[in-house]
Amino acid sequence: MTLTLILLAIGIMLLLMAVRSLRAQRLKERHALLFVAVGVPFLALAIWPDAVGWMAARLGIEYQTVLLLAVTTFFLVVNFNLLSIVSVQERRIACLAQMVAVMAQKLHADRAEDRGASTALPLERTADTDEEQEVA
């Protein structure tokens, strides 16, 4: 009974998180579908605990643990795929931030030349100066 309640709670929690994040536009549709695809089996196992044994018998797998290992491997591959997407996006964001900083430096230098002033922004900026400018 306890296992059923835990599986039911996990399934409902995953589904609610997916719907809530999708409505707040913090999660793309394909990732929300992934959460739904993970949450539904938890709900199914809460309702029908012998589903793993039935599925193993239908697929001709002699040991139920092999089926669980295959499903776990699938989810690890999906997780790896999502993390690689996040890593690529982080690198792109860092590159874009550096390009914007260089362009801002050039723009400031061009404006300073137009005014006849010789002061330009220093090449290195600290996080403190960025925060001070955001506050102001």
Protein backbone atom coordinates (compact mmCIF):
# COMPACT_ATOMS: atom_id res chain seq x y z
CA MET A 1 0.00 0.00 0.00
CA THR A 2 2.84 2.37 0.84
CA LEU A 3 4.55 1.71 -2.49
CA THR A 4 1.30 2.44 -4.31
CA LEU A 5 0.95 5.79 -2.54
CA ILE A 6 4.58 6.70 -3.29
CA LEU A 7 4.21 5.83 -6.97
CA LEU A 8 0.93 7.72 -7.15
CA ALA A 9 2.48 10.80 -5.50
CA ILE A 10 5.51 10.75 -7.83
CA GLY A 11 3.34 10.38 -10.92
CA ILE A 12 0.97 13.18 -9.96
CA MET A 13 3.87 15.43 -8.94
CA LEU A 14 5.63 14.94 -12.28
CA LEU A 15 2.47 15.63 -14.24
CA LEU A 16 1.66 18.75 -12.22
CA MET A 17 5.21 20.05 -12.54
CA ALA A 18 5.08 19.59 -16.30
CA VAL A 19 1.73 21.34 -16.70
CA ARG A 20 2.67 24.17 -14.34
CA SER A 21 6.04 24.79 -16.02
CA LEU A 22 4.44 24.65 -19.45
CA ARG A 23 1.79 27.19 -18.49
CA ALA A 24 4.45 29.52 -17.04
CA GLN A 25 6.45 29.07 -20.28
CA ARG A 26 9.49 27.87 -18.39
CA LEU A 27 9.49 24.55 -20.22
CA LYS A 28 9.18 23.76 -23.90
CA GLU A 29 6.42 21.48 -25.11
CA ARG A 30 8.76 18.62 -26.00
CA HIS A 31 10.27 18.62 -22.52
CA ALA A 32 6.82 18.78 -20.92
CA LEU A 33 5.85 15.73 -22.97
CA LEU A 34 8.92 13.98 -21.61
CA PHE A 35 7.76 14.67 -18.05
CA VAL A 36 4.31 13.38 -18.95
CA ALA A 37 5.88 10.27 -20.49
CA VAL A 38 7.78 9.69 -17.25
CA GLY A 39 4.83 10.47 -14.97
CA VAL A 40 2.26 8.24 -16.65
CA PRO A 41 4.17 4.97 -15.97
CA PHE A 42 4.35 5.90 -12.29
CA LEU A 43 0.58 6.32 -12.25
CA ALA A 44 0.15 3.06 -14.17
CA LEU A 45 2.37 1.19 -11.70
CA ALA A 46 0.44 2.68 -8.78
CA ILE A 47 -2.81 1.39 -10.26
CA TRP A 48 -1.43 -1.91 -11.60
CA PRO A 49 1.69 -3.00 -9.65
CA ASP A 50 2.15 -6.23 -11.65
CA ALA A 51 2.54 -4.32 -14.92
CA VAL A 52 6.31 -4.88 -14.99
CA GLY A 53 5.87 -8.66 -14.73
CA TRP A 54 3.14 -8.64 -17.38
CA MET A 55 5.24 -6.50 -19.75
CA ALA A 56 8.29 -8.74 -19.21
CA ALA A 57 6.20 -11.83 -20.01
CA ARG A 58 4.77 -10.23 -23.17
CA LEU A 59 8.24 -9.21 -24.39
CA GLY A 60 9.68 -12.63 -23.62
CA ILE A 61 12.07 -11.32 -20.97
CA GLU A 62 12.71 -13.98 -18.37
CA TYR A 63 13.80 -11.66 -15.56
CA GLN A 64 11.85 -8.53 -14.66
CA THR A 65 15.00 -6.76 -13.58
CA VAL A 66 16.30 -6.83 -17.16
CA LEU A 67 13.22 -4.90 -18.27
CA LEU A 68 13.76 -2.37 -15.50
CA LEU A 69 17.41 -2.06 -16.52
CA ALA A 70 16.39 -1.39 -20.13
CA VAL A 71 13.88 1.28 -19.10
CA THR A 72 16.44 2.90 -16.78
CA THR A 73 19.01 2.93 -19.58
CA PHE A 74 16.49 4.63 -21.87
CA PHE A 75 15.86 7.37 -19.32
CA LEU A 76 19.59 7.86 -18.77
CA VAL A 77 20.09 8.33 -22.52
CA VAL A 78 17.24 10.87 -22.62
CA ASN A 79 18.75 12.67 -19.62
CA PHE A 80 22.16 12.75 -21.31
CA ASN A 81 20.58 14.19 -24.45
CA LEU A 82 18.85 16.97 -22.52
CA LEU A 83 21.99 17.81 -20.57
CA SER A 84 24.03 18.01 -23.76
CA ILE A 85 21.48 20.46 -25.19
CA VAL A 86 21.78 22.59 -22.06
CA SER A 87 25.59 22.53 -22.26
CA VAL A 88 25.59 23.67 -25.89
CA GLN A 89 23.18 26.48 -25.10
CA GLU A 90 25.32 27.65 -22.15
CA ARG A 91 28.37 27.85 -24.43
CA ARG A 92 26.40 29.82 -27.01
CA ILE A 93 25.14 32.24 -24.37
CA ALA A 94 28.67 32.79 -23.04
CA CYS A 95 29.95 33.43 -26.56
CA LEU A 96 27.13 35.89 -27.25
CA ALA A 97 27.78 37.70 -23.98
CA GLN A 98 31.44 38.09 -24.90
CA MET A 99 30.54 39.38 -28.35
CA VAL A 100 28.15 41.93 -26.86
CA ALA A 101 30.82 43.08 -24.42
CA VAL A 102 33.34 43.57 -27.24
CA MET A 103 30.78 45.45 -29.33
CA ALA A 104 29.85 47.66 -26.37
CA GLN A 105 33.54 48.40 -25.79
CA LYS A 106 34.00 49.38 -29.44
CA LEU A 107 30.87 51.51 -29.39
CA HIS A 108 32.01 53.31 -26.27
CA ALA A 109 35.47 53.87 -27.78
CA ASP A 110 33.94 55.23 -31.00
CA ARG A 111 31.73 57.63 -29.05
CA ALA A 112 34.68 58.75 -26.97
CA GLU A 113 36.66 59.47 -30.14
CA ASP A 114 33.74 61.43 -31.58
CA ARG A 115 33.63 63.61 -28.48
CA GLY A 116 37.37 64.03 -28.47
CA ALA A 117 37.78 62.33 -25.13
CA SER A 118 40.44 59.72 -24.66
CA THR A 119 38.79 57.78 -21.86
CA ALA A 120 37.46 54.39 -22.75
CA LEU A 121 36.02 51.63 -20.64
CA PRO A 122 38.56 49.25 -19.20
CA LEU A 123 38.77 45.92 -20.98
CA GLU A 124 38.02 43.93 -17.84
CA ARG A 125 34.83 44.54 -15.94
CA THR A 126 33.96 43.03 -12.62
CA ALA A 127 30.65 41.66 -11.54
CA ASP A 128 30.38 44.49 -9.00
CA THR A 129 30.39 47.17 -11.70
CA ASP A 130 27.79 45.26 -13.72
CA GLU A 131 25.53 44.98 -10.69
CA GLU A 132 25.97 48.68 -9.89
CA GLN A 133 24.96 49.64 -13.43
CA GLU A 134 21.91 47.34 -13.30
CA VAL A 135 20.79 48.91 -10.03
CA ALA A 136 21.24 52.43 -11.40
